Amino acid sequence: MYDLRHTRLTKWLNDGIPLAQAAEWAGNSVPVLLAIYARCVSGQLSELKKRMEAGEDLPELPDEG
């Protein structure tokens, strides 16, 4: 049973599910997920760099006018 749970959490994290959401679903805290699953997450760095460069998910600045 634990192997299935580990597989599901690894998949969620590799699919880009936010840590806080995966932790809630798993009944764990974010620090616990990071301690256990940080080595399992792979292949997201290039996508994150693209999103940062494109300015995605950045908050809009309020109009000063």
PDB file of N, CA and C in Angstrom:
ATOM      1  N   MET A   1       0.817  -1.192   0.000  1.00  0.00           N
ATOM      2  CA  MET A   1       0.000   0.000   0.000  1.00  0.00           C
ATOM      3  C   MET A   1       0.870   1.268   0.000  1.00  0.00           C
ATOM      4  N   TYR A   2       1.953   1.238   0.786  1.00  0.00           N
ATOM      5  CA  TYR A   2       2.809   2.412   0.846  1.00  0.00           C
ATOM      6  C   TYR A   2       3.430   2.705  -0.515  1.00  0.00           C
ATOM      7  N   ASP A   3       3.775   1.675  -1.276  1.00  0.00           N
ATOM      8  CA  ASP A   3       4.359   1.882  -2.605  1.00  0.00           C
ATOM      9  C   ASP A   3       3.390   2.608  -3.529  1.00  0.00           C
ATOM     10  N   LEU A   4       2.108   2.273  -3.447  1.00  0.00           N
ATOM     11  CA  LEU A   4       1.107   2.962  -4.268  1.00  0.00           C
ATOM     12  C   LEU A   4       1.008   4.433  -3.881  1.00  0.00           C
ATOM     13  N   ARG A   5       1.044   4.705  -2.583  1.00  0.00           N
ATOM     14  CA  ARG A   5       0.972   6.085  -2.097  1.00  0.00           C
ATOM     15  C   ARG A   5       2.198   6.862  -2.578  1.00  0.00           C
ATOM     16  N   HIS A   6       3.361   6.262  -2.436  1.00  0.00           N
ATOM     17  CA  HIS A   6       4.603   6.900  -2.872  1.00  0.00           C
ATOM     18  C   HIS A   6       4.566   7.187  -4.376  1.00  0.00           C
ATOM     19  N   THR A   7       4.085   6.238  -5.149  1.00  0.00           N
ATOM     20  CA  THR A   7       3.982   6.410  -6.599  1.00  0.00           C
ATOM     21  C   THR A   7       3.037   7.552  -6.940  1.00  0.00           C
ATOM     22  N   ARG A   8       1.888   7.606  -6.289  1.00  0.00           N
ATOM     23  CA  ARG A   8       0.898   8.656  -6.563  1.00  0.00           C
ATOM     24  C   ARG A   8       1.464  10.027  -6.213  1.00  0.00           C
ATOM     25  N   LEU A   9       2.099  10.162  -5.040  1.00  0.00           N
ATOM     26  CA  LEU A   9       2.667  11.453  -4.650  1.00  0.00           C
ATOM     27  C   LEU A   9       3.782  11.883  -5.599  1.00  0.00           C
ATOM     28  N   THR A  10       4.617  10.947  -5.993  1.00  0.00           N
ATOM     29  CA  THR A  10       5.687  11.263  -6.945  1.00  0.00           C
ATOM     30  C   THR A  10       5.085  11.752  -8.259  1.00  0.00           C
ATOM     31  N   LYS A  11       4.033  11.093  -8.734  1.00  0.00           N
ATOM     32  CA  LYS A  11       3.384  11.511  -9.981  1.00  0.00           C
ATOM     33  C   LYS A  11       2.782  12.899  -9.843  1.00  0.00           C
ATOM     34  N   TRP A  12       2.075  13.151  -8.743  1.00  0.00           N
ATOM     35  CA  TRP A  12       1.488  14.479  -8.537  1.00  0.00           C
ATOM     36  C   TRP A  12       2.566  15.558  -8.586  1.00  0.00           C
ATOM     37  N   LEU A  13       3.658  15.334  -7.880  1.00  0.00           N
ATOM     38  CA  LEU A  13       4.715  16.344  -7.833  1.00  0.00           C
ATOM     39  C   LEU A  13       5.379  16.518  -9.195  1.00  0.00           C
ATOM     40  N   ASN A  14       5.591  15.431  -9.915  1.00  0.00           N
ATOM     41  CA  ASN A  14       6.181  15.536 -11.256  1.00  0.00           C
ATOM     42  C   ASN A  14       5.219  16.154 -12.259  1.00  0.00           C
ATOM     43  N   ASP A  15       3.925  16.053 -12.003  1.00  0.00           N
ATOM     44  CA  ASP A  15       2.928  16.681 -12.875  1.00  0.00           C
ATOM     45  C   ASP A  15       2.724  18.152 -12.559  1.00  0.00           C
ATOM     46  N   GLY A  16       3.428  18.646 -11.540  1.00  0.00           N
ATOM     47  CA  GLY A  16       3.359  20.067 -11.221  1.00  0.00           C
ATOM     48  C   GLY A  16       2.284  20.451 -10.216  1.00  0.00           C
ATOM     49  N   ILE A  17       1.685  19.477  -9.541  1.00  0.00           N
ATOM     50  CA  ILE A  17       0.731  19.808  -8.488  1.00  0.00           C
ATOM     51  C   ILE A  17       1.492  20.587  -7.421  1.00  0.00           C
ATOM     52  N   PRO A  18       0.990  21.731  -6.988  1.00  0.00           N
ATOM     53  CA  PRO A  18       1.704  22.512  -5.967  1.00  0.00           C
ATOM     54  C   PRO A  18       1.934  21.689  -4.696  1.00  0.00           C
ATOM     55  N   LEU A  19       3.076  21.913  -4.071  1.00  0.00           N
ATOM     56  CA  LEU A  19       3.441  21.164  -2.865  1.00  0.00           C
ATOM     57  C   LEU A  19       2.367  21.241  -1.788  1.00  0.00           C
ATOM     58  N   ALA A  20       1.827  22.426  -1.562  1.00  0.00           N
ATOM     59  CA  ALA A  20       0.823  22.585  -0.508  1.00  0.00           C
ATOM     60  C   ALA A  20      -0.408  21.726  -0.793  1.00  0.00           C
ATOM     61  N   GLN A  21      -0.818  21.658  -2.054  1.00  0.00           N
ATOM     62  CA  GLN A  21      -1.994  20.855  -2.409  1.00  0.00           C
ATOM     63  C   GLN A  21      -1.701  19.369  -2.249  1.00  0.00           C
ATOM     64  N   ALA A  22      -0.557  18.920  -2.748  1.00  0.00           N
ATOM     65  CA  ALA A  22      -0.194  17.512  -2.614  1.00  0.00           C
ATOM     66  C   ALA A  22      -0.061  17.127  -1.143  1.00  0.00           C
ATOM     67  N   ALA A  23       0.504  18.011  -0.335  1.00  0.00           N
ATOM     68  CA  ALA A  23       0.647  17.733   1.095  1.00  0.00           C
ATOM     69  C   ALA A  23      -0.717  17.593   1.754  1.00  0.00           C
ATOM     70  N   GLU A  24      -1.647  18.466   1.404  1.00  0.00           N
ATOM     71  CA  GLU A  24      -2.994  18.382   1.973  1.00  0.00           C
ATOM     72  C   GLU A  24      -3.657  17.063   1.588  1.00  0.00           C
ATOM     73  N   TRP A  25      -3.589  16.711   0.318  1.00  0.00           N
ATOM     74  CA  TRP A  25      -4.197  15.466  -0.139  1.00  0.00           C
ATOM     75  C   TRP A  25      -3.568  14.253   0.540  1.00  0.00           C
ATOM     76  N   ALA A  26      -2.266  14.326   0.800  1.00  0.00           N
ATOM     77  CA  ALA A  26      -1.555  13.198   1.398  1.00  0.00           C
ATOM     78  C   ALA A  26      -1.678  13.164   2.920  1.00  0.00           C
ATOM     79  N   GLY A  27      -2.162  14.269   3.500  1.00  0.00           N
ATOM     80  CA  GLY A  27      -2.242  14.331   4.949  1.00  0.00           C
ATOM     81  C   GLY A  27      -0.887  14.564   5.587  1.00  0.00           C
ATOM     82  N   ASN A  28       0.006  15.212   4.851  1.00  0.00           N
ATOM     83  CA  ASN A  28       1.348  15.519   5.332  1.00  0.00           C
ATOM     84  C   ASN A  28       1.543  17.025   5.329  1.00  0.00           C
ATOM     85  N   SER A  29       2.690  17.440   5.818  1.00  0.00           N
ATOM     86  CA  SER A  29       3.066  18.839   5.730  1.00  0.00           C
ATOM     87  C   SER A  29       4.010  19.016   4.543  1.00  0.00           C
ATOM     88  N   VAL A  30       4.160  20.257   4.100  1.00  0.00           N
ATOM     89  CA  VAL A  30       5.084  20.539   2.997  1.00  0.00           C
ATOM     90  C   VAL A  30       6.514  20.137   3.370  1.00  0.00           C
ATOM     91  N   PRO A  31       6.995  20.444   4.593  1.00  0.00           N
ATOM     92  CA  PRO A  31       8.362  20.004   4.932  1.00  0.00           C
ATOM     93  C   PRO A  31       8.546  18.484   4.853  1.00  0.00           C
ATOM     94  N   VAL A  32       7.523  17.723   5.231  1.00  0.00           N
ATOM     95  CA  VAL A  32       7.626  16.263   5.138  1.00  0.00           C
ATOM     96  C   VAL A  32       7.730  15.839   3.678  1.00  0.00           C
ATOM     97  N   LEU A  33       6.891  16.433   2.807  1.00  0.00           N
ATOM     98  CA  LEU A  33       6.972  16.082   1.386  1.00  0.00           C
ATOM     99  C   LEU A  33       8.335  16.429   0.811  1.00  0.00           C
ATOM    100  N   LEU A  34       8.853  17.601   1.160  1.00  0.00           N
ATOM    101  CA  LEU A  34      10.167  17.989   0.647  1.00  0.00           C
ATOM    102  C   LEU A  34      11.253  17.042   1.132  1.00  0.00           C
ATOM    103  N   ALA A  35      11.172  16.637   2.390  1.00  0.00           N
ATOM    104  CA  ALA A  35      12.187  15.743   2.942  1.00  0.00           C
ATOM    105  C   ALA A  35      12.169  14.379   2.258  1.00  0.00           C
ATOM    106  N   ILE A  36      10.978  13.916   1.906  1.00  0.00           N
ATOM    107  CA  ILE A  36      10.857  12.566   1.358  1.00  0.00           C
ATOM    108  C   ILE A  36      10.914  12.544  -0.168  1.00  0.00           C
ATOM    109  N   TYR A  37      10.262  13.511  -0.822  1.00  0.00           N
ATOM    110  CA  TYR A  37      10.055  13.418  -2.265  1.00  0.00           C
ATOM    111  C   TYR A  37      10.890  14.374  -3.105  1.00  0.00           C
ATOM    112  N   ALA A  38      11.697  15.222  -2.501  1.00  0.00           N
ATOM    113  CA  ALA A  38      12.473  16.196  -3.282  1.00  0.00           C
ATOM    114  C   ALA A  38      13.352  15.507  -4.320  1.00  0.00           C
ATOM    115  N   ARG A  39      13.899  14.355  -3.998  1.00  0.00           N
ATOM    116  CA  ARG A  39      14.766  13.634  -4.939  1.00  0.00           C
ATOM    117  C   ARG A  39      13.980  12.949  -6.052  1.00  0.00           C
ATOM    118  N   CYS A  40      12.672  12.857  -5.888  1.00  0.00           N
ATOM    119  CA  CYS A  40      11.837  12.161  -6.874  1.00  0.00           C
ATOM    120  C   CYS A  40      11.330  13.087  -7.976  1.00  0.00           C
ATOM    121  N   VAL A  41      11.368  14.382  -7.727  1.00  0.00           N
ATOM    122  CA  VAL A  41      10.830  15.338  -8.686  1.00  0.00           C
ATOM    123  C   VAL A  41      11.906  15.639  -9.716  1.00  0.00           C
ATOM    124  N   SER A  42      11.548  15.498 -10.975  1.00  0.00           N
ATOM    125  CA  SER A  42      12.530  15.743 -12.030  1.00  0.00           C
ATOM    126  C   SER A  42      11.853  16.324 -13.256  1.00  0.00           C
ATOM    127  N   GLY A  43      12.653  16.997 -14.072  1.00  0.00           N
ATOM    128  CA  GLY A  43      12.182  17.452 -15.368  1.00  0.00           C
ATOM    129  C   GLY A  43      11.343  18.711 -15.369  1.00  0.00           C
ATOM    130  N   GLN A  44      11.316  19.460 -14.289  1.00  0.00           N
ATOM    131  CA  GLN A  44      10.483  20.654 -14.242  1.00  0.00           C
ATOM    132  C   GLN A  44      11.271  21.946 -14.377  1.00  0.00           C
ATOM    133  N   LEU A  45      12.581  21.894 -14.261  1.00  0.00           N
ATOM    134  CA  LEU A  45      13.374  23.110 -14.251  1.00  0.00           C
ATOM    135  C   LEU A  45      13.246  23.910 -15.536  1.00  0.00           C
ATOM    136  N   SER A  46      13.327  23.266 -16.683  1.00  0.00           N
ATOM    137  CA  SER A  46      13.249  24.009 -17.944  1.00  0.00           C
ATOM    138  C   SER A  46      11.881  24.660 -18.114  1.00  0.00           C
ATOM    139  N   GLU A  47      10.815  23.971 -17.725  1.00  0.00           N
ATOM    140  CA  GLU A  47       9.468  24.552 -17.814  1.00  0.00           C
ATOM    141  C   GLU A  47       9.326  25.738 -16.874  1.00  0.00           C
ATOM    142  N   LEU A  48       9.853  25.637 -15.676  1.00  0.00           N
ATOM    143  CA  LEU A  48       9.785  26.750 -14.729  1.00  0.00           C
ATOM    144  C   LEU A  48      10.559  27.960 -15.240  1.00  0.00           C
ATOM    145  N   LYS A  49      11.718  27.720 -15.831  1.00  0.00           N
ATOM    146  CA  LYS A  49      12.501  28.820 -16.391  1.00  0.00           C
ATOM    147  C   LYS A  49      11.733  29.523 -17.505  1.00  0.00           C
ATOM    148  N   LYS A  50      11.080  28.746 -18.370  1.00  0.00           N
ATOM    149  CA  LYS A  50      10.287  29.336 -19.460  1.00  0.00           C
ATOM    150  C   LYS A  50       9.160  30.195 -18.902  1.00  0.00           C
ATOM    151  N   ARG A  51       8.466  29.693 -17.885  1.00  0.00           N
ATOM    152  CA  ARG A  51       7.354  30.438 -17.290  1.00  0.00           C
ATOM    153  C   ARG A  51       7.845  31.726 -16.647  1.00  0.00           C
ATOM    154  N   MET A  52       8.997  31.669 -15.983  1.00  0.00           N
ATOM    155  CA  MET A  52       9.546  32.870 -15.346  1.00  0.00           C
ATOM    156  C   MET A  52       9.940  33.901 -16.397  1.00  0.00           C
ATOM    157  N   GLU A  53      10.579  33.436 -17.461  1.00  0.00           N
ATOM    158  CA  GLU A  53      11.002  34.352 -18.513  1.00  0.00           C
ATOM    159  C   GLU A  53       9.812  34.971 -19.236  1.00  0.00           C
ATOM    160  N   ALA A  54       8.732  34.225 -19.357  1.00  0.00           N
ATOM    161  CA  ALA A  54       7.540  34.726 -20.041  1.00  0.00           C
ATOM    162  C   ALA A  54       6.689  35.599 -19.121  1.00  0.00           C
ATOM    163  N   GLY A  55       7.022  35.620 -17.844  1.00  0.00           N
ATOM    164  CA  GLY A  55       6.256  36.432 -16.906  1.00  0.00           C
ATOM    165  C   GLY A  55       4.935  35.813 -16.495  1.00  0.00           C
ATOM    166  N   GLU A  56       4.773  34.510 -16.701  1.00  0.00           N
ATOM    167  CA  GLU A  56       3.529  33.857 -16.320  1.00  0.00           C
ATOM    168  C   GLU A  56       3.421  33.776 -14.806  1.00  0.00           C
ATOM    169  N   ASP A  57       2.193  33.805 -14.337  1.00  0.00           N
ATOM    170  CA  ASP A  57       1.883  33.643 -12.924  1.00  0.00           C
ATOM    171  C   ASP A  57       2.494  34.728 -12.047  1.00  0.00           C
ATOM    172  N   LEU A  58       2.832  35.861 -12.640  1.00  0.00           N
ATOM    173  CA  LEU A  58       3.302  36.978 -11.847  1.00  0.00           C
ATOM    174  C   LEU A  58       2.115  37.877 -11.533  1.00  0.00           C
ATOM    175  N   PRO A  59       2.091  38.431 -10.326  1.00  0.00           N
ATOM    176  CA  PRO A  59       0.951  39.291  -9.981  1.00  0.00           C
ATOM    177  C   PRO A  59       0.959  40.567 -10.804  1.00  0.00           C
ATOM    178  N   GLU A  60      -0.224  41.046 -11.100  1.00  0.00           N
ATOM    179  CA  GLU A  60      -0.357  42.300 -11.819  1.00  0.00           C
ATOM    180  C   GLU A  60      -0.108  43.452 -10.852  1.00  0.00           C
ATOM    181  N   LEU A  61       0.595  44.459 -11.315  1.00  0.00           N
ATOM    182  CA  LEU A  61       0.811  45.640 -10.490  1.00  0.00           C
ATOM    183  C   LEU A  61      -0.413  46.530 -10.560  1.00  0.00           C
ATOM    184  N   PRO A  62      -0.812  47.113  -9.429  1.00  0.00           N
ATOM    185  CA  PRO A  62      -1.980  47.999  -9.463  1.00  0.00           C
ATOM    186  C   PRO A  62      -1.665  49.269 -10.246  1.00  0.00           C
ATOM    187  N   ASP A  63      -2.682  49.791 -10.897  1.00  0.00           N
ATOM    188  CA  ASP A  63      -2.522  51.051 -11.639  1.00  0.00           C
ATOM    189  C   ASP A  63      -2.311  52.189 -10.639  1.00  0.00           C
ATOM    190  N   GLU A  64      -1.312  53.004 -10.942  1.00  0.00           N
ATOM    191  CA  GLU A  64      -1.058  54.166 -10.089  1.00  0.00           C
ATOM    192  C   GLU A  64      -1.543  55.402 -10.815  1.00  0.00           C
ATOM    193  N   GLY A  65      -2.798  55.638 -10.741  1.00  0.00           N
ATOM    194  CA  GLY A  65      -3.273  56.764 -11.525  1.00  0.00           C
ATOM    195  C   GLY A  65      -4.501  57.377 -11.069  1.00  0.00           C
TER     196      GLY A  65
END
